[in-house]
Amino acid sequence: MSVELQQRIERLEKERWIYLGLGALAVLAGLLGALLGAGITGKGNQGLRGQNLELRAVAGEEAFAIKDTAGKVVFSVGLGKDGLPHLHFYDRKGERRQSMGFLATTDPELRMADEKGKVLVQMFAKDSTSAQLTFHDGQALRESVGLISGNPKVEIYDFSGKKATSALPPIAGEAVTPAK
């Protein structure tokens, strides 16, 4: 590579970083303008508040919440008491209906709930060999499908929540044999 070409490439790289920096400043200025234009205010350690937006930094609580015109939270993002992030969606009654993040453990999880907040569908992944999708009826676990230590598994539960049947799907034409 010629010296002249190398110098041109270095100059273009410097200009690229300058434009990226200016772009970042423009985005920050736009965000600040939007917050000020929306009437966002803050007092002491109470965080920032606006008509439909609330930002606060309190351990174990939502740090970012969007409220409807009635003042009910409809969406929130934050950190749980364990310091792990989560995302929640609420219905019109203020009940949490969908959640995503690290909710009960340090494993990523997705939950969907009924109108009373009881989990109906739950999906989580532990590692590359263990992931599970479960279905509940608001009272107890009814079905579980997933990979357990790399092995596919299906479990069906009775109305009392006890495992009624468990099966491994056939692999390469093998017959199904119930797991014990």
C-alpha atoms as a PDB file:
ATOM      1  CA  MET A   1       0.000   0.000   0.000  1.00  0.00           C
ATOM      2  CA  SER A   2       1.406   3.383  -0.940  1.00  0.00           C
ATOM      3  CA  VAL A   3       2.155   6.056   1.641  1.00  0.00           C
ATOM      4  CA  GLU A   4      -0.335   8.434   0.027  1.00  0.00           C
ATOM      5  CA  LEU A   5      -3.141   5.860   0.199  1.00  0.00           C
ATOM      6  CA  GLN A   6      -2.314   5.116   3.844  1.00  0.00           C
ATOM      7  CA  GLN A   7      -2.470   8.848   4.692  1.00  0.00           C
ATOM      8  CA  ARG A   8      -5.842   9.212   2.927  1.00  0.00           C
ATOM      9  CA  ILE A   9      -7.256   6.248   4.876  1.00  0.00           C
ATOM     10  CA  GLU A  10      -6.017   7.706   8.181  1.00  0.00           C
ATOM     11  CA  ARG A  11      -7.574  11.095   7.351  1.00  0.00           C
ATOM     12  CA  LEU A  12     -10.899   9.457   6.464  1.00  0.00           C
ATOM     13  CA  GLU A  13     -10.844   7.513   9.755  1.00  0.00           C
ATOM     14  CA  LYS A  14     -10.283  10.749  11.720  1.00  0.00           C
ATOM     15  CA  GLU A  15     -13.112  12.468   9.849  1.00  0.00           C
ATOM     16  CA  ARG A  16     -15.396   9.462  10.507  1.00  0.00           C
ATOM     17  CA  TRP A  17     -14.792   9.709  14.253  1.00  0.00           C
ATOM     18  CA  ILE A  18     -15.428  13.452  14.189  1.00  0.00           C
ATOM     19  CA  TYR A  19     -18.767  12.944  12.399  1.00  0.00           C
ATOM     20  CA  LEU A  20     -19.741  10.118  14.770  1.00  0.00           C
ATOM     21  CA  GLY A  21     -19.003  12.375  17.748  1.00  0.00           C
ATOM     22  CA  LEU A  22     -21.025  15.224  16.252  1.00  0.00           C
ATOM     23  CA  GLY A  23     -23.872  12.816  15.506  1.00  0.00           C
ATOM     24  CA  ALA A  24     -23.862  11.557  19.101  1.00  0.00           C
ATOM     25  CA  LEU A  25     -23.963  15.140  20.387  1.00  0.00           C
ATOM     26  CA  ALA A  26     -26.898  15.904  18.064  1.00  0.00           C
ATOM     27  CA  VAL A  27     -28.807  12.862  19.355  1.00  0.00           C
ATOM     28  CA  LEU A  28     -28.171  13.880  22.979  1.00  0.00           C
ATOM     29  CA  ALA A  29     -29.252  17.446  22.251  1.00  0.00           C
ATOM     30  CA  GLY A  30     -32.414  16.164  20.565  1.00  0.00           C
ATOM     31  CA  LEU A  31     -33.192  13.882  23.507  1.00  0.00           C
ATOM     32  CA  LEU A  32     -32.649  16.696  25.995  1.00  0.00           C
ATOM     33  CA  GLY A  33     -34.870  18.982  23.891  1.00  0.00           C
ATOM     34  CA  ALA A  34     -37.595  16.325  23.763  1.00  0.00           C
ATOM     35  CA  LEU A  35     -37.447  15.827  27.533  1.00  0.00           C
ATOM     36  CA  LEU A  36     -37.611  19.557  28.205  1.00  0.00           C
ATOM     37  CA  GLY A  37     -40.369  19.976  25.608  1.00  0.00           C
ATOM     38  CA  ALA A  38     -42.406  17.216  27.266  1.00  0.00           C
ATOM     39  CA  GLY A  39     -42.279  19.072  30.565  1.00  0.00           C
ATOM     40  CA  ILE A  40     -39.916  16.628  32.264  1.00  0.00           C
ATOM     41  CA  THR A  41     -38.839  17.925  35.647  1.00  0.00           C
ATOM     42  CA  GLY A  42     -36.760  16.587  38.491  1.00  0.00           C
ATOM     43  CA  LYS A  43     -36.354  17.439  42.174  1.00  0.00           C
ATOM     44  CA  GLY A  44     -33.540  16.109  44.307  1.00  0.00           C
ATOM     45  CA  ASN A  45     -33.370  12.311  44.325  1.00  0.00           C
ATOM     46  CA  GLN A  46     -36.947  11.825  43.073  1.00  0.00           C
ATOM     47  CA  GLY A  47     -35.816  11.263  39.477  1.00  0.00           C
ATOM     48  CA  LEU A  48     -37.362  12.784  36.364  1.00  0.00           C
ATOM     49  CA  ARG A  49     -41.118  13.050  35.824  1.00  0.00           C
ATOM     50  CA  GLY A  50     -43.312  14.110  32.943  1.00  0.00           C
ATOM     51  CA  GLN A  51     -46.943  13.664  31.989  1.00  0.00           C
ATOM     52  CA  ASN A  52     -46.568  10.053  30.806  1.00  0.00           C
ATOM     53  CA  LEU A  53     -42.930   9.324  31.590  1.00  0.00           C
ATOM     54  CA  GLU A  54     -41.192   8.669  34.862  1.00  0.00           C
ATOM     55  CA  LEU A  55     -37.498   7.981  35.373  1.00  0.00           C
ATOM     56  CA  ARG A  56     -36.058   7.067  38.743  1.00  0.00           C
ATOM     57  CA  ALA A  57     -33.161   5.058  40.068  1.00  0.00           C
ATOM     58  CA  VAL A  58     -34.310   3.030  43.058  1.00  0.00           C
ATOM     59  CA  ALA A  59     -33.028  -0.508  43.611  1.00  0.00           C
ATOM     60  CA  GLY A  60     -35.815  -3.070  43.253  1.00  0.00           C
ATOM     61  CA  GLU A  61     -38.181  -0.727  41.404  1.00  0.00           C
ATOM     62  CA  GLU A  62     -38.784   0.163  37.790  1.00  0.00           C
ATOM     63  CA  ALA A  63     -36.306   2.774  36.620  1.00  0.00           C
ATOM     64  CA  PHE A  64     -38.222   3.780  33.493  1.00  0.00           C
ATOM     65  CA  ALA A  65     -42.022   3.724  33.306  1.00  0.00           C
ATOM     66  CA  ILE A  66     -44.538   4.975  30.758  1.00  0.00           C
ATOM     67  CA  LYS A  67     -47.997   5.829  32.060  1.00  0.00           C
ATOM     68  CA  ASP A  68     -51.314   6.257  30.289  1.00  0.00           C
ATOM     69  CA  THR A  69     -53.406   9.425  30.601  1.00  0.00           C
ATOM     70  CA  ALA A  70     -55.034   8.023  33.758  1.00  0.00           C
ATOM     71  CA  GLY A  71     -51.619   7.732  35.412  1.00  0.00           C
ATOM     72  CA  LYS A  72     -51.399   3.910  35.302  1.00  0.00           C
ATOM     73  CA  VAL A  73     -48.105   2.303  34.320  1.00  0.00           C
ATOM     74  CA  VAL A  74     -48.412   0.523  30.944  1.00  0.00           C
ATOM     75  CA  PHE A  75     -44.729  -0.311  30.359  1.00  0.00           C
ATOM     76  CA  SER A  76     -41.673  -0.418  32.581  1.00  0.00           C
ATOM     77  CA  VAL A  77     -37.998  -1.265  32.336  1.00  0.00           C
ATOM     78  CA  GLY A  78     -35.747  -1.604  35.325  1.00  0.00           C
ATOM     79  CA  LEU A  79     -33.643  -3.644  37.666  1.00  0.00           C
ATOM     80  CA  GLY A  80     -35.023  -6.152  40.145  1.00  0.00           C
ATOM     81  CA  LYS A  81     -33.920  -6.414  43.774  1.00  0.00           C
ATOM     82  CA  ASP A  82     -31.186  -8.784  42.586  1.00  0.00           C
ATOM     83  CA  GLY A  83     -29.858  -6.126  40.194  1.00  0.00           C
ATOM     84  CA  LEU A  84     -30.887  -7.987  37.017  1.00  0.00           C
ATOM     85  CA  PRO A  85     -32.818  -6.204  34.216  1.00  0.00           C
ATOM     86  CA  HIS A  86     -36.470  -6.788  33.355  1.00  0.00           C
ATOM     87  CA  LEU A  87     -39.179  -5.435  31.082  1.00  0.00           C
ATOM     88  CA  HIS A  88     -42.903  -5.459  32.015  1.00  0.00           C
ATOM     89  CA  PHE A  89     -46.111  -4.716  30.089  1.00  0.00           C
ATOM     90  CA  TYR A  90     -49.338  -3.932  31.975  1.00  0.00           C
ATOM     91  CA  ASP A  91     -52.997  -4.114  30.914  1.00  0.00           C
ATOM     92  CA  ARG A  92     -55.578  -1.326  31.334  1.00  0.00           C
ATOM     93  CA  LYS A  93     -56.308  -2.464  34.898  1.00  0.00           C
ATOM     94  CA  GLY A  94     -52.649  -2.116  35.883  1.00  0.00           C
ATOM     95  CA  GLU A  95     -51.975  -5.876  36.044  1.00  0.00           C
ATOM     96  CA  ARG A  96     -48.633  -7.127  34.794  1.00  0.00           C
ATOM     97  CA  ARG A  97     -49.449  -9.309  31.749  1.00  0.00           C
ATOM     98  CA  GLN A  98     -46.099  -9.828  30.010  1.00  0.00           C
ATOM     99  CA  SER A  99     -42.598  -9.846  31.422  1.00  0.00           C
ATOM    100  CA  MET A 100     -39.203 -10.454  29.937  1.00  0.00           C
ATOM    101  CA  GLY A 101     -35.754 -10.499  31.481  1.00  0.00           C
ATOM    102  CA  PHE A 102     -34.137 -12.215  34.416  1.00  0.00           C
ATOM    103  CA  LEU A 103     -37.253 -12.592  36.528  1.00  0.00           C
ATOM    104  CA  ALA A 104     -36.895 -15.464  39.015  1.00  0.00           C
ATOM    105  CA  THR A 105     -33.323 -16.633  38.393  1.00  0.00           C
ATOM    106  CA  THR A 106     -30.252 -15.519  36.513  1.00  0.00           C
ATOM    107  CA  ASP A 107     -31.599 -17.336  33.425  1.00  0.00           C
ATOM    108  CA  PRO A 108     -33.360 -15.303  30.698  1.00  0.00           C
ATOM    109  CA  GLU A 109     -37.114 -15.718  30.923  1.00  0.00           C
ATOM    110  CA  LEU A 110     -40.340 -14.682  29.175  1.00  0.00           C
ATOM    111  CA  ARG A 111     -43.730 -14.804  30.953  1.00  0.00           C
ATOM    112  CA  MET A 112     -47.323 -14.162  29.931  1.00  0.00           C
ATOM    113  CA  ALA A 113     -49.998 -13.870  32.593  1.00  0.00           C
ATOM    114  CA  ASP A 114     -53.791 -13.817  32.844  1.00  0.00           C
ATOM    115  CA  GLU A 115     -55.825 -10.809  33.974  1.00  0.00           C
ATOM    116  CA  LYS A 116     -55.152 -11.731  37.629  1.00  0.00           C
ATOM    117  CA  GLY A 117     -51.377 -11.819  37.138  1.00  0.00           C
ATOM    118  CA  LYS A 118     -51.059 -15.631  37.272  1.00  0.00           C
ATOM    119  CA  VAL A 119     -48.483 -17.053  34.848  1.00  0.00           C
ATOM    120  CA  LEU A 120     -50.011 -18.905  31.866  1.00  0.00           C
ATOM    121  CA  VAL A 121     -46.981 -19.318  29.578  1.00  0.00           C
ATOM    122  CA  GLN A 122     -43.354 -19.284  30.636  1.00  0.00           C
ATOM    123  CA  MET A 123     -40.239 -19.768  28.539  1.00  0.00           C
ATOM    124  CA  PHE A 124     -36.673 -19.809  29.802  1.00  0.00           C
ATOM    125  CA  ALA A 125     -33.226 -20.938  28.772  1.00  0.00           C
ATOM    126  CA  LYS A 126     -30.465 -22.106  31.082  1.00  0.00           C
ATOM    127  CA  ASP A 127     -27.698 -22.838  28.579  1.00  0.00           C
ATOM    128  CA  SER A 128     -27.256 -24.223  25.061  1.00  0.00           C
ATOM    129  CA  THR A 129     -28.572 -27.648  26.149  1.00  0.00           C
ATOM    130  CA  SER A 130     -31.474 -26.665  28.427  1.00  0.00           C
ATOM    131  CA  ALA A 131     -34.509 -24.584  27.469  1.00  0.00           C
ATOM    132  CA  GLN A 132     -38.128 -25.023  28.457  1.00  0.00           C
ATOM    133  CA  LEU A 133     -41.612 -23.824  27.512  1.00  0.00           C
ATOM    134  CA  THR A 134     -44.337 -24.387  30.120  1.00  0.00           C
ATOM    135  CA  PHE A 135     -48.115 -23.908  30.054  1.00  0.00           C
ATOM    136  CA  HIS A 136     -50.178 -23.233  33.186  1.00  0.00           C
ATOM    137  CA  ASP A 137     -53.914 -22.800  33.709  1.00  0.00           C
ATOM    138  CA  GLY A 138     -53.661 -20.180  36.448  1.00  0.00           C
ATOM    139  CA  GLN A 139     -53.739 -22.903  39.120  1.00  0.00           C
ATOM    140  CA  ALA A 140     -50.951 -25.348  38.268  1.00  0.00           C
ATOM    141  CA  LEU A 141     -48.459 -26.439  35.646  1.00  0.00           C
ATOM    142  CA  ARG A 142     -50.181 -28.409  32.842  1.00  0.00           C
ATOM    143  CA  GLU A 143     -47.546 -29.069  30.179  1.00  0.00           C
ATOM    144  CA  SER A 144     -43.805 -28.682  29.712  1.00  0.00           C
ATOM    145  CA  VAL A 145     -41.862 -28.988  26.461  1.00  0.00           C
ATOM    146  CA  GLY A 146     -38.141 -28.504  26.168  1.00  0.00           C
ATOM    147  CA  LEU A 147     -34.573 -29.638  26.199  1.00  0.00           C
ATOM    148  CA  ILE A 148     -33.178 -30.993  29.437  1.00  0.00           C
ATOM    149  CA  SER A 149     -29.392 -31.470  29.253  1.00  0.00           C
ATOM    150  CA  GLY A 150     -29.685 -31.694  25.465  1.00  0.00           C
ATOM    151  CA  ASN A 151     -32.484 -34.296  25.480  1.00  0.00           C
ATOM    152  CA  PRO A 152     -35.955 -33.362  24.172  1.00  0.00           C
ATOM    153  CA  LYS A 153     -38.695 -33.937  26.722  1.00  0.00           C
ATOM    154  CA  VAL A 154     -42.480 -33.520  26.908  1.00  0.00           C
ATOM    155  CA  GLU A 155     -44.323 -33.657  30.245  1.00  0.00           C
ATOM    156  CA  ILE A 156     -48.080 -33.494  30.859  1.00  0.00           C
ATOM    157  CA  TYR A 157     -49.546 -32.861  34.323  1.00  0.00           C
ATOM    158  CA  ASP A 158     -52.944 -33.798  35.799  1.00  0.00           C
ATOM    159  CA  PHE A 159     -55.393 -31.368  37.432  1.00  0.00           C
ATOM    160  CA  SER A 160     -53.670 -31.637  40.809  1.00  0.00           C
ATOM    161  CA  GLY A 161     -50.349 -30.596  39.254  1.00  0.00           C
ATOM    162  CA  LYS A 162     -48.741 -34.053  39.439  1.00  0.00           C
ATOM    163  CA  LYS A 163     -46.832 -35.370  36.437  1.00  0.00           C
ATOM    164  CA  ALA A 164     -49.191 -37.683  34.507  1.00  0.00           C
ATOM    165  CA  THR A 165     -46.914 -38.633  31.621  1.00  0.00           C
ATOM    166  CA  SER A 166     -43.454 -37.919  30.362  1.00  0.00           C
ATOM    167  CA  ALA A 167     -42.088 -38.826  26.946  1.00  0.00           C
ATOM    168  CA  LEU A 168     -39.015 -38.423  24.842  1.00  0.00           C
ATOM    169  CA  PRO A 169     -39.855 -37.891  21.145  1.00  0.00           C
ATOM    170  CA  PRO A 170     -38.591 -40.548  18.718  1.00  0.00           C
ATOM    171  CA  ILE A 171     -35.134 -39.973  17.306  1.00  0.00           C
ATOM    172  CA  ALA A 172     -34.385 -41.120  13.719  1.00  0.00           C
ATOM    173  CA  GLY A 173     -37.389 -43.419  13.405  1.00  0.00           C
ATOM    174  CA  GLU A 174     -37.196 -45.027  16.852  1.00  0.00           C
ATOM    175  CA  ALA A 175     -40.385 -46.012  18.695  1.00  0.00           C
ATOM    176  CA  VAL A 176     -41.625 -43.758  21.512  1.00  0.00           C
ATOM    177  CA  THR A 177     -40.901 -45.101  24.992  1.00  0.00           C
ATOM    178  CA  PRO A 178     -42.279 -43.308  28.038  1.00  0.00           C
ATOM    179  CA  ALA A 179     -39.622 -41.930  30.382  1.00  0.00           C
ATOM    180  CA  LYS A 180     -39.712 -43.011  34.005  1.00  0.00           C
END
